[in-house]
Amino acid sequence: MKKIKTTVYLNAGDYRKLRSLATEEGRTAAELVREAVAEYAERATGRLWPRSIGIADSGDPHFAENCEGYLDGFGEEEIDYPPERLPGTDTPDAIGRRRMPE
């Protein structure tokens, strides 16, 4: 992709942090700035995938193609949770889940 030269004024402290990170990662400060701008632009336009996408590997290269088969019967079994462990409740021991704020 074609690069366009620009000038950015940074606070002295931010510049020191940028140079330090660049040195630690063996990259240039310009690379880090380009990466940060690209990530921000994607996030600001709502097209950045959540970080959780792609972190798991089923080991099955055809998992996505066969997803319907894996979901057969899902949700049909009734589970009798004790009242204090109902999924989605606001109790601290609700199977590690909390209700999203509305």
PDB file of N, CA and C in Angstrom:
ATOM      1  N   MET A   1       0.844  -1.172   0.000  1.00  0.00           N
ATOM      2  CA  MET A   1       0.000   0.000   0.000  1.00  0.00           C
ATOM      3  C   MET A   1       0.892   1.239   0.000  1.00  0.00           C
ATOM      4  N   LYS A   2       0.502   2.240  -0.747  1.00  0.00           N
ATOM      5  CA  LYS A   2       1.266   3.477  -0.851  1.00  0.00           C
ATOM      6  C   LYS A   2       1.245   4.215   0.488  1.00  0.00           C
ATOM      7  N   LYS A   3       2.395   4.740   0.876  1.00  0.00           N
ATOM      8  CA  LYS A   3       2.500   5.489   2.128  1.00  0.00           C
ATOM      9  C   LYS A   3       2.558   6.974   1.819  1.00  0.00           C
ATOM     10  N   ILE A   4       1.930   7.766   2.666  1.00  0.00           N
ATOM     11  CA  ILE A   4       1.940   9.218   2.548  1.00  0.00           C
ATOM     12  C   ILE A   4       2.632   9.774   3.782  1.00  0.00           C
ATOM     13  N   LYS A   5       3.570  10.661   3.569  1.00  0.00           N
ATOM     14  CA  LYS A   5       4.320  11.239   4.678  1.00  0.00           C
ATOM     15  C   LYS A   5       3.459  12.257   5.415  1.00  0.00           C
ATOM     16  N   THR A   6       3.528  12.210   6.743  1.00  0.00           N
ATOM     17  CA  THR A   6       2.807  13.171   7.574  1.00  0.00           C
ATOM     18  C   THR A   6       3.646  13.478   8.803  1.00  0.00           C
ATOM     19  N   THR A   7       3.295  14.521   9.506  1.00  0.00           N
ATOM     20  CA  THR A   7       3.996  14.901  10.730  1.00  0.00           C
ATOM     21  C   THR A   7       3.006  14.851  11.876  1.00  0.00           C
ATOM     22  N   VAL A   8       3.434  14.254  12.975  1.00  0.00           N
ATOM     23  CA  VAL A   8       2.592  14.153  14.162  1.00  0.00           C
ATOM     24  C   VAL A   8       3.383  14.695  15.342  1.00  0.00           C
ATOM     25  N   TYR A   9       2.774  15.563  16.118  1.00  0.00           N
ATOM     26  CA  TYR A   9       3.407  16.083  17.321  1.00  0.00           C
ATOM     27  C   TYR A   9       2.907  15.276  18.510  1.00  0.00           C
ATOM     28  N   LEU A  10       3.843  14.708  19.268  1.00  0.00           N
ATOM     29  CA  LEU A  10       3.507  13.895  20.438  1.00  0.00           C
ATOM     30  C   LEU A  10       3.986  14.587  21.703  1.00  0.00           C
ATOM     31  N   ASN A  11       3.337  14.275  22.810  1.00  0.00           N
ATOM     32  CA  ASN A  11       3.851  14.716  24.109  1.00  0.00           C
ATOM     33  C   ASN A  11       5.180  14.019  24.338  1.00  0.00           C
ATOM     34  N   ALA A  12       6.084  14.669  25.056  1.00  0.00           N
ATOM     35  CA  ALA A  12       7.419  14.106  25.283  1.00  0.00           C
ATOM     36  C   ALA A  12       7.341  12.735  25.950  1.00  0.00           C
ATOM     37  N   GLY A  13       6.455  12.586  26.929  1.00  0.00           N
ATOM     38  CA  GLY A  13       6.324  11.303  27.619  1.00  0.00           C
ATOM     39  C   GLY A  13       5.835  10.200  26.699  1.00  0.00           C
ATOM     40  N   ASP A  14       4.865  10.522  25.855  1.00  0.00           N
ATOM     41  CA  ASP A  14       4.353   9.536  24.900  1.00  0.00           C
ATOM     42  C   ASP A  14       5.434   9.141  23.902  1.00  0.00           C
ATOM     43  N   TYR A  15       6.231  10.116  23.484  1.00  0.00           N
ATOM     44  CA  TYR A  15       7.306   9.823  22.532  1.00  0.00           C
ATOM     45  C   TYR A  15       8.338   8.881  23.153  1.00  0.00           C
ATOM     46  N   ARG A  16       8.684   9.128  24.426  1.00  0.00           N
ATOM     47  CA  ARG A  16       9.643   8.239  25.108  1.00  0.00           C
ATOM     48  C   ARG A  16       9.086   6.820  25.196  1.00  0.00           C
ATOM     49  N   LYS A  17       7.803   6.699  25.532  1.00  0.00           N
ATOM     50  CA  LYS A  17       7.175   5.371  25.603  1.00  0.00           C
ATOM     51  C   LYS A  17       7.190   4.693  24.232  1.00  0.00           C
ATOM     52  N   LEU A  18       6.882   5.461  23.195  1.00  0.00           N
ATOM     53  CA  LEU A  18       6.871   4.930  21.833  1.00  0.00           C
ATOM     54  C   LEU A  18       8.245   4.417  21.438  1.00  0.00           C
ATOM     55  N   ARG A  19       9.288   5.203  21.694  1.00  0.00           N
ATOM     56  CA  ARG A  19      10.656   4.798  21.355  1.00  0.00           C
ATOM     57  C   ARG A  19      11.057   3.553  22.147  1.00  0.00           C
ATOM     58  N   SER A  20      10.687   3.507  23.412  1.00  0.00           N
ATOM     59  CA  SER A  20      11.013   2.359  24.258  1.00  0.00           C
ATOM     60  C   SER A  20      10.331   1.090  23.733  1.00  0.00           C
ATOM     61  N   LEU A  21       9.046   1.197  23.407  1.00  0.00           N
ATOM     62  CA  LEU A  21       8.321   0.041  22.861  1.00  0.00           C
ATOM     63  C   LEU A  21       8.921  -0.411  21.540  1.00  0.00           C
ATOM     64  N   ALA A  22       9.269   0.543  20.697  1.00  0.00           N
ATOM     65  CA  ALA A  22       9.856   0.205  19.400  1.00  0.00           C
ATOM     66  C   ALA A  22      11.165  -0.548  19.589  1.00  0.00           C
ATOM     67  N   THR A  23      11.980  -0.086  20.523  1.00  0.00           N
ATOM     68  CA  THR A  23      13.254  -0.758  20.798  1.00  0.00           C
ATOM     69  C   THR A  23      13.015  -2.172  21.317  1.00  0.00           C
ATOM     70  N   GLU A  24      12.091  -2.305  22.282  1.00  0.00           N
ATOM     71  CA  GLU A  24      11.774  -3.624  22.859  1.00  0.00           C
ATOM     72  C   GLU A  24      11.303  -4.602  21.785  1.00  0.00           C
ATOM     73  N   GLU A  25      10.503  -4.120  20.843  1.00  0.00           N
ATOM     74  CA  GLU A  25       9.918  -4.994  19.825  1.00  0.00           C
ATOM     75  C   GLU A  25      10.776  -5.117  18.573  1.00  0.00           C
ATOM     76  N   GLY A  26      11.881  -4.377  18.530  1.00  0.00           N
ATOM     77  CA  GLY A  26      12.745  -4.436  17.356  1.00  0.00           C
ATOM     78  C   GLY A  26      12.085  -3.863  16.110  1.00  0.00           C
ATOM     79  N   ARG A  27      11.268  -2.856  16.302  1.00  0.00           N
ATOM     80  CA  ARG A  27      10.550  -2.221  15.201  1.00  0.00           C
ATOM     81  C   ARG A  27      10.816  -0.724  15.234  1.00  0.00           C
ATOM     82  N   THR A  28      10.386  -0.029  14.218  1.00  0.00           N
ATOM     83  CA  THR A  28      10.547   1.420  14.211  1.00  0.00           C
ATOM     84  C   THR A  28       9.334   2.072  14.865  1.00  0.00           C
ATOM     85  N   ALA A  29       9.543   3.293  15.347  1.00  0.00           N
ATOM     86  CA  ALA A  29       8.436   4.053  15.921  1.00  0.00           C
ATOM     87  C   ALA A  29       7.356   4.274  14.864  1.00  0.00           C
ATOM     88  N   ALA A  30       7.779   4.508  13.631  1.00  0.00           N
ATOM     89  CA  ALA A  30       6.815   4.730  12.544  1.00  0.00           C
ATOM     90  C   ALA A  30       5.920   3.508  12.338  1.00  0.00           C
ATOM     91  N   GLU A  31       6.492   2.306  12.438  1.00  0.00           N
ATOM     92  CA  GLU A  31       5.684   1.086  12.289  1.00  0.00           C
ATOM     93  C   GLU A  31       4.613   1.022  13.369  1.00  0.00           C
ATOM     94  N   LEU A  32       5.015   1.333  14.608  1.00  0.00           N
ATOM     95  CA  LEU A  32       4.056   1.277  15.714  1.00  0.00           C
ATOM     96  C   LEU A  32       2.955   2.314  15.537  1.00  0.00           C
ATOM     97  N   VAL A  33       3.320   3.509  15.081  1.00  0.00           N
ATOM     98  CA  VAL A  33       2.313   4.551  14.853  1.00  0.00           C
ATOM     99  C   VAL A  33       1.351   4.121  13.748  1.00  0.00           C
ATOM    100  N   ARG A  34       1.877   3.583  12.648  1.00  0.00           N
ATOM    101  CA  ARG A  34       1.004   3.122  11.557  1.00  0.00           C
ATOM    102  C   ARG A  34       0.056   2.032  12.044  1.00  0.00           C
ATOM    103  N   GLU A  35       0.590   1.084  12.830  1.00  0.00           N
ATOM    104  CA  GLU A  35      -0.242   0.001  13.354  1.00  0.00           C
ATOM    105  C   GLU A  35      -1.334   0.549  14.268  1.00  0.00           C
ATOM    106  N   ALA A  36      -0.963   1.483  15.148  1.00  0.00           N
ATOM    107  CA  ALA A  36      -1.938   2.059  16.078  1.00  0.00           C
ATOM    108  C   ALA A  36      -3.032   2.824  15.334  1.00  0.00           C
ATOM    109  N   VAL A  37      -2.646   3.589  14.317  1.00  0.00           N
ATOM    110  CA  VAL A  37      -3.629   4.349  13.537  1.00  0.00           C
ATOM    111  C   VAL A  37      -4.558   3.392  12.794  1.00  0.00           C
ATOM    112  N   ALA A  38      -4.011   2.334  12.212  1.00  0.00           N
ATOM    113  CA  ALA A  38      -4.833   1.361  11.483  1.00  0.00           C
ATOM    114  C   ALA A  38      -5.826   0.676  12.417  1.00  0.00           C
ATOM    115  N   GLU A  39      -5.365   0.272  13.606  1.00  0.00           N
ATOM    116  CA  GLU A  39      -6.260  -0.377  14.569  1.00  0.00           C
ATOM    117  C   GLU A  39      -7.353   0.584  15.022  1.00  0.00           C
ATOM    118  N   TYR A  40      -6.973   1.829  15.291  1.00  0.00           N
ATOM    119  CA  TYR A  40      -7.965   2.815  15.721  1.00  0.00           C
ATOM    120  C   TYR A  40      -8.998   3.054  14.619  1.00  0.00           C
ATOM    121  N   ALA A  41      -8.540   3.195  13.394  1.00  0.00           N
ATOM    122  CA  ALA A  41      -9.451   3.450  12.277  1.00  0.00           C
ATOM    123  C   ALA A  41     -10.432   2.293  12.101  1.00  0.00           C
ATOM    124  N   GLU A  42      -9.958   1.066  12.226  1.00  0.00           N
ATOM    125  CA  GLU A  42     -10.846  -0.099  12.120  1.00  0.00           C
ATOM    126  C   GLU A  42     -11.860  -0.114  13.254  1.00  0.00           C
ATOM    127  N   ARG A  43     -11.389   0.124  14.474  1.00  0.00           N
ATOM    128  CA  ARG A  43     -12.278   0.110  15.636  1.00  0.00           C
ATOM    129  C   ARG A  43     -13.309   1.235  15.527  1.00  0.00           C
ATOM    130  N   ALA A  44     -12.884   2.404  15.082  1.00  0.00           N
ATOM    131  CA  ALA A  44     -13.784   3.553  14.981  1.00  0.00           C
ATOM    132  C   ALA A  44     -14.860   3.344  13.923  1.00  0.00           C
ATOM    133  N   THR A  45     -14.567   2.559  12.915  1.00  0.00           N
ATOM    134  CA  THR A  45     -15.563   2.299  11.876  1.00  0.00           C
ATOM    135  C   THR A  45     -16.355   1.033  12.164  1.00  0.00           C
ATOM    136  N   GLY A  46     -16.078   0.372  13.288  1.00  0.00           N
ATOM    137  CA  GLY A  46     -16.849  -0.787  13.707  1.00  0.00           C
ATOM    138  C   GLY A  46     -16.544  -2.068  12.971  1.00  0.00           C
ATOM    139  N   ARG A  47     -15.407  -2.158  12.313  1.00  0.00           N
ATOM    140  CA  ARG A  47     -15.102  -3.367  11.553  1.00  0.00           C
ATOM    141  C   ARG A  47     -14.029  -4.223  12.205  1.00  0.00           C
ATOM    142  N   LEU A  48     -13.586  -3.884  13.378  1.00  0.00           N
ATOM    143  CA  LEU A  48     -12.552  -4.672  14.029  1.00  0.00           C
ATOM    144  C   LEU A  48     -13.201  -5.890  14.692  1.00  0.00           C
ATOM    145  N   TRP A  49     -12.671  -7.063  14.417  1.00  0.00           N
ATOM    146  CA  TRP A  49     -13.200  -8.281  15.022  1.00  0.00           C
ATOM    147  C   TRP A  49     -12.828  -8.312  16.499  1.00  0.00           C
ATOM    148  N   PRO A  50     -13.677  -8.894  17.331  1.00  0.00           N
ATOM    149  CA  PRO A  50     -13.313  -9.050  18.743  1.00  0.00           C
ATOM    150  C   PRO A  50     -12.038  -9.883  18.872  1.00  0.00           C
ATOM    151  N   ARG A  51     -11.265  -9.601  19.900  1.00  0.00           N
ATOM    152  CA  ARG A  51     -10.003 -10.320  20.103  1.00  0.00           C
ATOM    153  C   ARG A  51     -10.223 -11.817  20.313  1.00  0.00           C
ATOM    154  N   SER A  52     -11.428 -12.203  20.725  1.00  0.00           N
ATOM    155  CA  SER A  52     -11.696 -13.619  20.986  1.00  0.00           C
ATOM    156  C   SER A  52     -11.853 -14.434  19.701  1.00  0.00           C
ATOM    157  N   ILE A  53     -12.059 -13.781  18.576  1.00  0.00           N
ATOM    158  CA  ILE A  53     -12.235 -14.504  17.316  1.00  0.00           C
ATOM    159  C   ILE A  53     -10.934 -15.204  16.942  1.00  0.00           C
ATOM    160  N   GLY A  54     -11.027 -16.503  16.751  1.00  0.00           N
ATOM    161  CA  GLY A  54      -9.873 -17.264  16.290  1.00  0.00           C
ATOM    162  C   GLY A  54      -8.930 -17.758  17.372  1.00  0.00           C
ATOM    163  N   ILE A  55      -9.283 -17.595  18.658  1.00  0.00           N
ATOM    164  CA  ILE A  55      -8.342 -18.020  19.700  1.00  0.00           C
ATOM    165  C   ILE A  55      -8.437 -19.512  19.998  1.00  0.00           C
ATOM    166  N   ALA A  56      -9.507 -20.153  19.561  1.00  0.00           N
ATOM    167  CA  ALA A  56      -9.671 -21.579  19.834  1.00  0.00           C
ATOM    168  C   ALA A  56      -9.480 -22.383  18.552  1.00  0.00           C
ATOM    169  N   ASP A  57      -8.997 -23.588  18.711  1.00  0.00           N
ATOM    170  CA  ASP A  57      -8.795 -24.473  17.566  1.00  0.00           C
ATOM    171  C   ASP A  57      -9.444 -25.808  17.887  1.00  0.00           C
ATOM    172  N   SER A  58     -10.476 -26.169  17.127  1.00  0.00           N
ATOM    173  CA  SER A  58     -11.183 -27.423  17.374  1.00  0.00           C
ATOM    174  C   SER A  58     -10.365 -28.625  16.934  1.00  0.00           C
ATOM    175  N   GLY A  59      -9.365 -28.384  16.081  1.00  0.00           N
ATOM    176  CA  GLY A  59      -8.597 -29.486  15.533  1.00  0.00           C
ATOM    177  C   GLY A  59      -9.261 -30.103  14.312  1.00  0.00           C
ATOM    178  N   ASP A  60     -10.478 -29.667  14.016  1.00  0.00           N
ATOM    179  CA  ASP A  60     -11.222 -30.179  12.866  1.00  0.00           C
ATOM    180  C   ASP A  60     -11.206 -29.121  11.767  1.00  0.00           C
ATOM    181  N   PRO A  61     -10.491 -29.357  10.664  1.00  0.00           N
ATOM    182  CA  PRO A  61     -10.420 -28.343   9.611  1.00  0.00           C
ATOM    183  C   PRO A  61     -11.761 -28.077   8.929  1.00  0.00           C
ATOM    184  N   HIS A  62     -12.741 -28.939   9.155  1.00  0.00           N
ATOM    185  CA  HIS A  62     -14.055 -28.772   8.528  1.00  0.00           C
ATOM    186  C   HIS A  62     -15.119 -28.368   9.547  1.00  0.00           C
ATOM    187  N   PHE A  63     -14.693 -27.877  10.706  1.00  0.00           N
ATOM    188  CA  PHE A  63     -15.617 -27.546  11.786  1.00  0.00           C
ATOM    189  C   PHE A  63     -16.696 -26.563  11.331  1.00  0.00           C
ATOM    190  N   ALA A  64     -16.297 -25.486  10.661  1.00  0.00           N
ATOM    191  CA  ALA A  64     -17.271 -24.473  10.230  1.00  0.00           C
ATOM    192  C   ALA A  64     -18.246 -25.039   9.202  1.00  0.00           C
ATOM    193  N   GLU A  65     -17.767 -25.918   8.351  1.00  0.00           N
ATOM    194  CA  GLU A  65     -18.633 -26.509   7.328  1.00  0.00           C
ATOM    195  C   GLU A  65     -19.671 -27.437   7.949  1.00  0.00           C
ATOM    196  N   ASN A  66     -19.326 -28.067   9.066  1.00  0.00           N
ATOM    197  CA  ASN A  66     -20.201 -29.055   9.703  1.00  0.00           C
ATOM    198  C   ASN A  66     -20.899 -28.504  10.941  1.00  0.00           C
ATOM    199  N   CYS A  67     -20.986 -27.190  11.076  1.00  0.00           N
ATOM    200  CA  CYS A  67     -21.485 -26.606  12.324  1.00  0.00           C
ATOM    201  C   CYS A  67     -22.911 -27.035  12.663  1.00  0.00           C
ATOM    202  N   GLU A  68     -23.768 -27.193  11.670  1.00  0.00           N
ATOM    203  CA  GLU A  68     -25.149 -27.592  11.949  1.00  0.00           C
ATOM    204  C   GLU A  68     -25.204 -28.958  12.627  1.00  0.00           C
ATOM    205  N   GLY A  69     -24.361 -29.866  12.208  1.00  0.00           N
ATOM    206  CA  GLY A  69     -24.327 -31.190  12.816  1.00  0.00           C
ATOM    207  C   GLY A  69     -23.908 -31.138  14.279  1.00  0.00           C
ATOM    208  N   TYR A  70     -22.993 -30.234  14.599  1.00  0.00           N
ATOM    209  CA  TYR A  70     -22.541 -30.103  15.979  1.00  0.00           C
ATOM    210  C   TYR A  70     -23.621 -29.500  16.866  1.00  0.00           C
ATOM    211  N   LEU A  71     -24.540 -28.754  16.269  1.00  0.00           N
ATOM    212  CA  LEU A  71     -25.575 -28.086  17.055  1.00  0.00           C
ATOM    213  C   LEU A  71     -26.871 -28.882  17.153  1.00  0.00           C
ATOM    214  N   ASP A  72     -26.940 -30.042  16.506  1.00  0.00           N
ATOM    215  CA  ASP A  72     -28.147 -30.867  16.588  1.00  0.00           C
ATOM    216  C   ASP A  72     -28.487 -31.150  18.045  1.00  0.00           C
ATOM    217  N   GLY A  73     -29.713 -30.850  18.424  1.00  0.00           N
ATOM    218  CA  GLY A  73     -30.174 -31.121  19.779  1.00  0.00           C
ATOM    219  C   GLY A  73     -29.816 -30.051  20.787  1.00  0.00           C
ATOM    220  N   PHE A  74     -29.045 -29.060  20.378  1.00  0.00           N
ATOM    221  CA  PHE A  74     -28.646 -28.008  21.313  1.00  0.00           C
ATOM    222  C   PHE A  74     -29.881 -27.255  21.800  1.00  0.00           C
ATOM    223  N   GLY A  75     -29.988 -27.086  23.109  1.00  0.00           N
ATOM    224  CA  GLY A  75     -31.094 -26.345  23.690  1.00  0.00           C
ATOM    225  C   GLY A  75     -32.342 -27.162  23.929  1.00  0.00           C
ATOM    226  N   GLU A  76     -32.339 -28.426  23.547  1.00  0.00           N
ATOM    227  CA  GLU A  76     -33.529 -29.257  23.728  1.00  0.00           C
ATOM    228  C   GLU A  76     -33.585 -29.875  25.121  1.00  0.00           C
ATOM    229  N   GLU A  77     -32.423 -30.092  25.719  1.00  0.00           N
ATOM    230  CA  GLU A  77     -32.383 -30.701  27.044  1.00  0.00           C
ATOM    231  C   GLU A  77     -32.681 -29.644  28.095  1.00  0.00           C
ATOM    232  N   GLU A  78     -33.625 -29.943  28.986  1.00  0.00           N
ATOM    233  CA  GLU A  78     -33.925 -29.009  30.061  1.00  0.00           C
ATOM    234  C   GLU A  78     -33.004 -29.306  31.229  1.00  0.00           C
ATOM    235  N   ILE A  79     -32.380 -28.264  31.730  1.00  0.00           N
ATOM    236  CA  ILE A  79     -31.478 -28.409  32.864  1.00  0.00           C
ATOM    237  C   ILE A  79     -32.139 -27.761  34.062  1.00  0.00           C
ATOM    238  N   ASP A  80     -32.221 -28.503  35.163  1.00  0.00           N
ATOM    239  CA  ASP A  80     -32.859 -27.998  36.372  1.00  0.00           C
ATOM    240  C   ASP A  80     -31.796 -27.372  37.269  1.00  0.00           C
ATOM    241  N   TYR A  81     -31.520 -26.076  37.047  1.00  0.00           N
ATOM    242  CA  TYR A  81     -30.530 -25.375  37.860  1.00  0.00           C
ATOM    243  C   TYR A  81     -31.129 -25.022  39.209  1.00  0.00           C
ATOM    244  N   PRO A  82     -30.328 -25.112  40.283  1.00  0.00           N
ATOM    245  CA  PRO A  82     -30.804 -24.575  41.558  1.00  0.00           C
ATOM    246  C   PRO A  82     -31.006 -23.066  41.385  1.00  0.00           C
ATOM    247  N   PRO A  83     -31.972 -22.457  42.068  1.00  0.00           N
ATOM    248  CA  PRO A  83     -32.279 -21.035  41.862  1.00  0.00           C
ATOM    249  C   PRO A  83     -31.061 -20.119  41.985  1.00  0.00           C
ATOM    250  N   GLU A  84     -30.136 -20.448  42.880  1.00  0.00           N
ATOM    251  CA  GLU A  84     -28.972 -19.566  43.068  1.00  0.00           C
ATOM    252  C   GLU A  84     -27.944 -19.706  41.950  1.00  0.00           C
ATOM    253  N   ARG A  85     -28.132 -20.658  41.026  1.00  0.00           N
ATOM    254  CA  ARG A  85     -27.155 -20.842  39.945  1.00  0.00           C
ATOM    255  C   ARG A  85     -27.778 -20.696  38.558  1.00  0.00           C
ATOM    256  N   LEU A  86     -28.869 -19.958  38.475  1.00  0.00           N
ATOM    257  CA  LEU A  86     -29.499 -19.768  37.173  1.00  0.00           C
ATOM    258  C   LEU A  86     -28.599 -18.935  36.273  1.00  0.00           C
ATOM    259  N   PRO A  87     -28.317 -19.409  35.068  1.00  0.00           N
ATOM    260  CA  PRO A  87     -27.480 -18.631  34.149  1.00  0.00           C
ATOM    261  C   PRO A  87     -28.097 -17.267  33.867  1.00  0.00           C
ATOM    262  N   GLY A  88     -27.239 -16.256  33.845  1.00  0.00           N
ATOM    263  CA  GLY A  88     -27.695 -14.915  33.511  1.00  0.00           C
ATOM    264  C   GLY A  88     -28.229 -14.126  34.683  1.00  0.00           C
ATOM    265  N   THR A  89     -28.236 -14.723  35.887  1.00  0.00           N
ATOM    266  CA  THR A  89     -28.706 -13.960  37.039  1.00  0.00           C
ATOM    267  C   THR A  89     -27.578 -13.092  37.556  1.00  0.00           C
ATOM    268  N   ASP A  90     -27.927 -12.181  38.439  1.00  0.00           N
ATOM    269  CA  ASP A  90     -26.934 -11.240  38.960  1.00  0.00           C
ATOM    270  C   ASP A  90     -26.215 -11.757  40.201  1.00  0.00           C
ATOM    271  N   THR A  91     -26.385 -13.022  40.532  1.00  0.00           N
ATOM    272  CA  THR A  91     -25.696 -13.554  41.699  1.00  0.00           C
ATOM    273  C   THR A  91     -24.242 -13.814  41.365  1.00  0.00           C
ATOM    274  N   PRO A  92     -23.327 -13.630  42.332  1.00  0.00           N
ATOM    275  CA  PRO A  92     -21.905 -13.809  42.050  1.00  0.00           C
ATOM    276  C   PRO A  92     -21.538 -15.212  41.589  1.00  0.00           C
ATOM    277  N   ASP A  93     -22.301 -16.226  42.001  1.00  0.00           N
ATOM    278  CA  ASP A  93     -21.943 -17.592  41.620  1.00  0.00           C
ATOM    279  C   ASP A  93     -22.800 -18.099  40.457  1.00  0.00           C
ATOM    280  N   ALA A  94     -23.267 -17.215  39.617  1.00  0.00           N
ATOM    281  CA  ALA A  94     -24.132 -17.607  38.499  1.00  0.00           C
ATOM    282  C   ALA A  94     -23.309 -18.142  37.342  1.00  0.00           C
ATOM    283  N   ILE A  95     -22.572 -19.193  37.611  1.00  0.00           N
ATOM    284  CA  ILE A  95     -21.781 -19.890  36.602  1.00  0.00           C
ATOM    285  C   ILE A  95     -20.856 -18.917  35.864  1.00  0.00           C
ATOM    286  N   GLY A  96     -20.333 -17.952  36.594  1.00  0.00           N
ATOM    287  CA  GLY A  96     -19.367 -17.032  36.021  1.00  0.00           C
ATOM    288  C   GLY A  96     -19.939 -16.012  35.058  1.00  0.00           C
ATOM    289  N   ARG A  97     -21.248 -15.942  34.929  1.00  0.00           N
ATOM    290  CA  ARG A  97     -21.847 -14.996  33.986  1.00  0.00           C
ATOM    291  C   ARG A  97     -22.649 -13.948  34.732  1.00  0.00           C
ATOM    292  N   ARG A  98     -22.689 -12.771  34.200  1.00  0.00           N
ATOM    293  CA  ARG A  98     -23.528 -11.713  34.750  1.00  0.00           C
ATOM    294  C   ARG A  98     -24.378 -11.128  33.629  1.00  0.00           C
ATOM    295  N   ARG A  99     -25.519 -10.635  34.000  1.00  0.00           N
ATOM    296  CA  ARG A  99     -26.418 -10.024  33.026  1.00  0.00           C
ATOM    297  C   ARG A  99     -25.800  -8.735  32.495  1.00  0.00           C
ATOM    298  N   MET A 100     -25.920  -8.519  31.200  1.00  0.00           N
ATOM    299  CA  MET A 100     -25.400  -7.298  30.586  1.00  0.00           C
ATOM    300  C   MET A 100     -26.262  -6.122  31.019  1.00  0.00           C
ATOM    301  N   PRO A 101     -25.645  -4.956  31.282  1.00  0.00           N
ATOM    302  CA  PRO A 101     -26.458  -3.781  31.629  1.00  0.00           C
ATOM    303  C   PRO A 101     -27.325  -3.375  30.446  1.00  0.00           C
ATOM    304  N   GLU A 102     -28.513  -2.922  30.741  1.00  0.00           N
ATOM    305  CA  GLU A 102     -29.439  -2.546  29.661  1.00  0.00           C
ATOM    306  C   GLU A 102     -29.349  -1.080  29.357  1.00  0.00           C
TER     307      GLU A 102
END
